[in-house]
Amino acid sequence: MKRRIFLLGAVSTFLSACASKFQRYTGPEVTRILVYKDTRRMYLLSGSETLRSYDVQLGFTARGHKQFEGDGKTPEGDYLIDRRNPKSAFHLSLGISYPNAEDRAYAASQGKSPGGDIFIHGRPNARVDWRRAKKRGEDWTAGCISVKNREIEEIYAMVKNGTVISIYP
């Protein structure tokens, strides 16, 4: 009987922890995301008002615009939030529409792939070797924008698909 109660409690705790990563947001609409790579800051805006700001970590080669698969750079320019991944290997994630037509054309002109799968995401979960990722230093992603898990939960609730994200050097 004690084991059954323990198991039910463990399952209940697990389910409530899983459900808690999906927050509700009823505030002003996020109309734009600004990322400043040099200061490692991201801002969620509603019109000209800053709703929230976050420290971010970037690709392991943060300087410069992402051009090729595997270069470790975070893209620069204007993109859209174009997808959501609630089962991400990085807690939660929001997809960024990189590469655009210009990015693809440049990479093709160099005989290379532009890469893809660029996201705003949380920390790696158990499916990713976090120790290996952290050995790269402060900027550790393959080109994504990383925030803390509690922060991506908030961002995931606030930002809708179609929101413009502007990434500056």
C-alpha atoms as a PDB file:
ATOM      1  CA  MET A   1       0.000   0.000   0.000  1.00  0.00           C
ATOM      2  CA  LYS A   2       2.806   2.445   0.912  1.00  0.00           C
ATOM      3  CA  ARG A   3       4.525   1.695  -2.383  1.00  0.00           C
ATOM      4  CA  ARG A   4       1.330   2.406  -4.309  1.00  0.00           C
ATOM      5  CA  ILE A   5       0.837   5.740  -2.532  1.00  0.00           C
ATOM      6  CA  PHE A   6       4.490   6.618  -3.180  1.00  0.00           C
ATOM      7  CA  LEU A   7       4.157   5.781  -6.889  1.00  0.00           C
ATOM      8  CA  LEU A   8       0.968   7.810  -7.215  1.00  0.00           C
ATOM      9  CA  GLY A   9       2.688  10.732  -5.513  1.00  0.00           C
ATOM     10  CA  ALA A  10       5.714  10.445  -7.783  1.00  0.00           C
ATOM     11  CA  VAL A  11       3.531  10.321 -10.901  1.00  0.00           C
ATOM     12  CA  SER A  12       1.516  13.313  -9.693  1.00  0.00           C
ATOM     13  CA  THR A  13       4.696  15.293  -8.995  1.00  0.00           C
ATOM     14  CA  PHE A  14       6.109  14.374 -12.404  1.00  0.00           C
ATOM     15  CA  LEU A  15       2.932  15.391 -14.237  1.00  0.00           C
ATOM     16  CA  SER A  16       2.642  18.693 -12.388  1.00  0.00           C
ATOM     17  CA  ALA A  17       6.300  19.466 -13.126  1.00  0.00           C
ATOM     18  CA  CYS A  18       5.761  18.729 -16.824  1.00  0.00           C
ATOM     19  CA  ALA A  19       2.634  20.859 -17.006  1.00  0.00           C
ATOM     20  CA  SER A  20       4.299  23.772 -15.225  1.00  0.00           C
ATOM     21  CA  LYS A  21       6.614  24.562 -18.124  1.00  0.00           C
ATOM     22  CA  PHE A  22       3.617  25.777 -20.139  1.00  0.00           C
ATOM     23  CA  GLN A  23       2.657  29.165 -18.781  1.00  0.00           C
ATOM     24  CA  ARG A  24      -0.245  31.417 -19.719  1.00  0.00           C
ATOM     25  CA  TYR A  25       0.319  34.997 -20.787  1.00  0.00           C
ATOM     26  CA  THR A  26      -2.423  37.619 -21.003  1.00  0.00           C
ATOM     27  CA  GLY A  27      -0.358  40.811 -21.243  1.00  0.00           C
ATOM     28  CA  PRO A  28       0.405  43.065 -24.194  1.00  0.00           C
ATOM     29  CA  GLU A  29       1.282  41.386 -27.494  1.00  0.00           C
ATOM     30  CA  VAL A  30       4.975  40.924 -28.211  1.00  0.00           C
ATOM     31  CA  THR A  31       5.402  42.662 -31.573  1.00  0.00           C
ATOM     32  CA  ARG A  32       9.176  42.324 -31.973  1.00  0.00           C
ATOM     33  CA  ILE A  33      12.217  40.644 -30.461  1.00  0.00           C
ATOM     34  CA  LEU A  34      15.570  42.448 -30.472  1.00  0.00           C
ATOM     35  CA  VAL A  35      18.831  40.582 -29.853  1.00  0.00           C
ATOM     36  CA  TYR A  36      22.124  42.429 -29.412  1.00  0.00           C
ATOM     37  CA  LYS A  37      24.933  39.919 -29.762  1.00  0.00           C
ATOM     38  CA  ASP A  38      27.665  42.245 -28.481  1.00  0.00           C
ATOM     39  CA  THR A  39      25.947  42.780 -25.120  1.00  0.00           C
ATOM     40  CA  ARG A  40      24.329  39.293 -25.020  1.00  0.00           C
ATOM     41  CA  ARG A  41      20.871  40.819 -24.389  1.00  0.00           C
ATOM     42  CA  MET A  42      17.439  40.032 -25.810  1.00  0.00           C
ATOM     43  CA  TYR A  43      14.401  42.314 -25.505  1.00  0.00           C
ATOM     44  CA  LEU A  44      10.723  41.505 -26.022  1.00  0.00           C
ATOM     45  CA  LEU A  45       8.882  44.600 -27.235  1.00  0.00           C
ATOM     46  CA  SER A  46       5.275  45.630 -27.580  1.00  0.00           C
ATOM     47  CA  GLY A  47       5.495  48.560 -29.966  1.00  0.00           C
ATOM     48  CA  SER A  48       8.266  50.703 -28.473  1.00  0.00           C
ATOM     49  CA  GLU A  49       7.763  49.418 -24.904  1.00  0.00           C
ATOM     50  CA  THR A  50      10.181  46.818 -23.526  1.00  0.00           C
ATOM     51  CA  LEU A  51       8.158  44.106 -21.794  1.00  0.00           C
ATOM     52  CA  ARG A  52      11.054  41.863 -20.734  1.00  0.00           C
ATOM     53  CA  SER A  53      14.799  41.533 -21.247  1.00  0.00           C
ATOM     54  CA  TYR A  54      17.128  38.560 -20.838  1.00  0.00           C
ATOM     55  CA  ASP A  55      20.806  37.671 -20.811  1.00  0.00           C
ATOM     56  CA  VAL A  56      21.549  35.244 -23.657  1.00  0.00           C
ATOM     57  CA  GLN A  57      24.242  32.846 -24.765  1.00  0.00           C
ATOM     58  CA  LEU A  58      25.001  32.485 -28.460  1.00  0.00           C
ATOM     59  CA  GLY A  59      26.811  30.296 -30.954  1.00  0.00           C
ATOM     60  CA  PHE A  60      30.311  29.224 -29.945  1.00  0.00           C
ATOM     61  CA  THR A  61      31.748  31.561 -32.623  1.00  0.00           C
ATOM     62  CA  ALA A  62      29.546  34.538 -31.841  1.00  0.00           C
ATOM     63  CA  ARG A  63      31.162  37.220 -34.023  1.00  0.00           C
ATOM     64  CA  GLY A  64      29.792  37.638 -37.509  1.00  0.00           C
ATOM     65  CA  HIS A  65      26.700  36.506 -39.381  1.00  0.00           C
ATOM     66  CA  LYS A  66      25.976  32.797 -39.734  1.00  0.00           C
ATOM     67  CA  GLN A  67      26.917  31.754 -43.264  1.00  0.00           C
ATOM     68  CA  PHE A  68      27.494  28.016 -43.255  1.00  0.00           C
ATOM     69  CA  GLU A  69      26.447  24.901 -41.449  1.00  0.00           C
ATOM     70  CA  GLY A  70      28.812  24.214 -38.561  1.00  0.00           C
ATOM     71  CA  ASP A  71      30.352  27.699 -38.352  1.00  0.00           C
ATOM     72  CA  GLY A  72      29.036  28.171 -34.791  1.00  0.00           C
ATOM     73  CA  LYS A  73      27.704  31.653 -35.553  1.00  0.00           C
ATOM     74  CA  THR A  74      24.330  33.107 -34.621  1.00  0.00           C
ATOM     75  CA  PRO A  75      22.585  34.731 -37.624  1.00  0.00           C
ATOM     76  CA  GLU A  76      22.251  38.508 -37.935  1.00  0.00           C
ATOM     77  CA  GLY A  77      19.363  40.294 -39.599  1.00  0.00           C
ATOM     78  CA  ASP A  78      15.576  40.176 -39.581  1.00  0.00           C
ATOM     79  CA  TYR A  79      13.818  36.826 -39.337  1.00  0.00           C
ATOM     80  CA  LEU A  80      10.509  35.471 -38.014  1.00  0.00           C
ATOM     81  CA  ILE A  81       9.593  33.130 -35.207  1.00  0.00           C
ATOM     82  CA  ASP A  82       8.224  30.362 -37.414  1.00  0.00           C
ATOM     83  CA  ARG A  83       7.695  27.277 -35.238  1.00  0.00           C
ATOM     84  CA  ARG A  84       7.461  25.942 -31.710  1.00  0.00           C
ATOM     85  CA  ASN A  85       8.916  22.782 -30.219  1.00  0.00           C
ATOM     86  CA  PRO A  86       7.373  21.725 -26.902  1.00  0.00           C
ATOM     87  CA  LYS A  87       9.431  18.493 -26.969  1.00  0.00           C
ATOM     88  CA  SER A  88      12.768  20.171 -27.667  1.00  0.00           C
ATOM     89  CA  ALA A  89      16.056  18.645 -26.530  1.00  0.00           C
ATOM     90  CA  PHE A  90      16.541  22.105 -24.950  1.00  0.00           C
ATOM     91  CA  HIS A  91      13.514  22.328 -22.593  1.00  0.00           C
ATOM     92  CA  LEU A  92      11.334  24.425 -24.953  1.00  0.00           C
ATOM     93  CA  SER A  93      12.262  26.177 -28.170  1.00  0.00           C
ATOM     94  CA  LEU A  94      11.036  28.752 -30.677  1.00  0.00           C
ATOM     95  CA  GLY A  95      12.277  28.400 -34.257  1.00  0.00           C
ATOM     96  CA  ILE A  96      13.883  31.267 -36.138  1.00  0.00           C
ATOM     97  CA  SER A  97      13.320  31.390 -39.923  1.00  0.00           C
ATOM     98  CA  TYR A  98      17.041  31.187 -40.778  1.00  0.00           C
ATOM     99  CA  PRO A  99      18.107  30.607 -43.530  1.00  0.00           C
ATOM    100  CA  ASN A 100      16.256  33.097 -45.712  1.00  0.00           C
ATOM    101  CA  ALA A 101      16.629  33.256 -49.519  1.00  0.00           C
ATOM    102  CA  GLU A 102      19.693  35.530 -49.287  1.00  0.00           C
ATOM    103  CA  ASP A 103      21.392  33.208 -46.776  1.00  0.00           C
ATOM    104  CA  ARG A 104      20.729  30.163 -48.995  1.00  0.00           C
ATOM    105  CA  ALA A 105      21.978  31.947 -52.125  1.00  0.00           C
ATOM    106  CA  TYR A 106      25.230  33.048 -50.487  1.00  0.00           C
ATOM    107  CA  ALA A 107      25.977  29.586 -49.108  1.00  0.00           C
ATOM    108  CA  ALA A 108      25.185  28.012 -52.497  1.00  0.00           C
ATOM    109  CA  SER A 109      27.543  30.467 -54.222  1.00  0.00           C
ATOM    110  CA  GLN A 110      30.290  29.144 -51.950  1.00  0.00           C
ATOM    111  CA  GLY A 111      29.323  25.520 -52.536  1.00  0.00           C
ATOM    112  CA  LYS A 112      28.217  25.055 -48.944  1.00  0.00           C
ATOM    113  CA  SER A 113      25.069  24.498 -46.886  1.00  0.00           C
ATOM    114  CA  PRO A 114      23.747  27.489 -44.901  1.00  0.00           C
ATOM    115  CA  GLY A 115      22.723  25.245 -42.013  1.00  0.00           C
ATOM    116  CA  GLY A 116      19.432  25.672 -40.224  1.00  0.00           C
ATOM    117  CA  ASP A 117      17.488  24.694 -37.114  1.00  0.00           C
ATOM    118  CA  ILE A 118      18.250  27.964 -35.335  1.00  0.00           C
ATOM    119  CA  PHE A 119      16.157  28.457 -32.193  1.00  0.00           C
ATOM    120  CA  ILE A 120      15.667  30.469 -29.040  1.00  0.00           C
ATOM    121  CA  HIS A 121      15.813  27.714 -26.441  1.00  0.00           C
ATOM    122  CA  GLY A 122      16.401  26.774 -22.835  1.00  0.00           C
ATOM    123  CA  ARG A 123      19.115  24.589 -21.357  1.00  0.00           C
ATOM    124  CA  PRO A 124      19.751  21.072 -22.651  1.00  0.00           C
ATOM    125  CA  ASN A 125      17.678  18.346 -21.068  1.00  0.00           C
ATOM    126  CA  ALA A 126      18.832  14.793 -20.357  1.00  0.00           C
ATOM    127  CA  ARG A 127      19.034  13.961 -24.080  1.00  0.00           C
ATOM    128  CA  VAL A 128      21.953  16.366 -24.571  1.00  0.00           C
ATOM    129  CA  ASP A 129      25.401  16.223 -22.978  1.00  0.00           C
ATOM    130  CA  TRP A 130      25.340  19.555 -21.101  1.00  0.00           C
ATOM    131  CA  ARG A 131      28.888  19.106 -19.740  1.00  0.00           C
ATOM    132  CA  ARG A 132      30.287  18.863 -23.269  1.00  0.00           C
ATOM    133  CA  ALA A 133      28.288  21.912 -24.374  1.00  0.00           C
ATOM    134  CA  LYS A 134      29.438  24.017 -21.400  1.00  0.00           C
ATOM    135  CA  LYS A 135      33.117  23.248 -22.053  1.00  0.00           C
ATOM    136  CA  ARG A 136      32.862  25.598 -25.028  1.00  0.00           C
ATOM    137  CA  GLY A 137      32.574  28.521 -22.623  1.00  0.00           C
ATOM    138  CA  GLU A 138      29.958  31.194 -22.194  1.00  0.00           C
ATOM    139  CA  ASP A 139      28.729  30.987 -25.784  1.00  0.00           C
ATOM    140  CA  TRP A 140      28.150  27.307 -26.385  1.00  0.00           C
ATOM    141  CA  THR A 141      25.314  26.737 -28.869  1.00  0.00           C
ATOM    142  CA  ALA A 142      25.737  25.745 -32.513  1.00  0.00           C
ATOM    143  CA  GLY A 143      24.233  29.124 -33.502  1.00  0.00           C
ATOM    144  CA  CYS A 144      21.083  29.327 -31.411  1.00  0.00           C
ATOM    145  CA  ILE A 145      20.109  31.824 -28.698  1.00  0.00           C
ATOM    146  CA  SER A 146      19.971  30.215 -25.256  1.00  0.00           C
ATOM    147  CA  VAL A 147      18.268  31.441 -22.084  1.00  0.00           C
ATOM    148  CA  LYS A 148      17.485  29.836 -18.725  1.00  0.00           C
ATOM    149  CA  ASN A 149      14.650  27.312 -18.618  1.00  0.00           C
ATOM    150  CA  ARG A 150      12.353  29.519 -16.559  1.00  0.00           C
ATOM    151  CA  GLU A 151      12.971  32.311 -19.070  1.00  0.00           C
ATOM    152  CA  ILE A 152      12.165  30.210 -22.165  1.00  0.00           C
ATOM    153  CA  GLU A 153       8.941  29.168 -20.423  1.00  0.00           C
ATOM    154  CA  GLU A 154       7.985  32.846 -20.170  1.00  0.00           C
ATOM    155  CA  ILE A 155       9.157  33.651 -23.720  1.00  0.00           C
ATOM    156  CA  TYR A 156       7.360  30.597 -25.143  1.00  0.00           C
ATOM    157  CA  ALA A 157       4.089  31.823 -23.583  1.00  0.00           C
ATOM    158  CA  MET A 158       4.545  35.447 -24.681  1.00  0.00           C
ATOM    159  CA  VAL A 159       5.797  35.139 -28.268  1.00  0.00           C
ATOM    160  CA  LYS A 160       3.543  34.059 -31.139  1.00  0.00           C
ATOM    161  CA  ASN A 161       4.593  32.521 -34.429  1.00  0.00           C
ATOM    162  CA  GLY A 162       5.078  35.298 -36.994  1.00  0.00           C
ATOM    163  CA  THR A 163       6.801  37.658 -34.530  1.00  0.00           C
ATOM    164  CA  VAL A 164       9.762  39.500 -36.078  1.00  0.00           C
ATOM    165  CA  ILE A 165      13.158  38.884 -34.493  1.00  0.00           C
ATOM    166  CA  SER A 166      15.976  41.309 -35.318  1.00  0.00           C
ATOM    167  CA  ILE A 167      19.464  40.087 -34.454  1.00  0.00           C
ATOM    168  CA  TYR A 168      22.217  42.708 -34.380  1.00  0.00           C
ATOM    169  CA  PRO A 169      26.021  42.299 -34.156  1.00  0.00           C
END
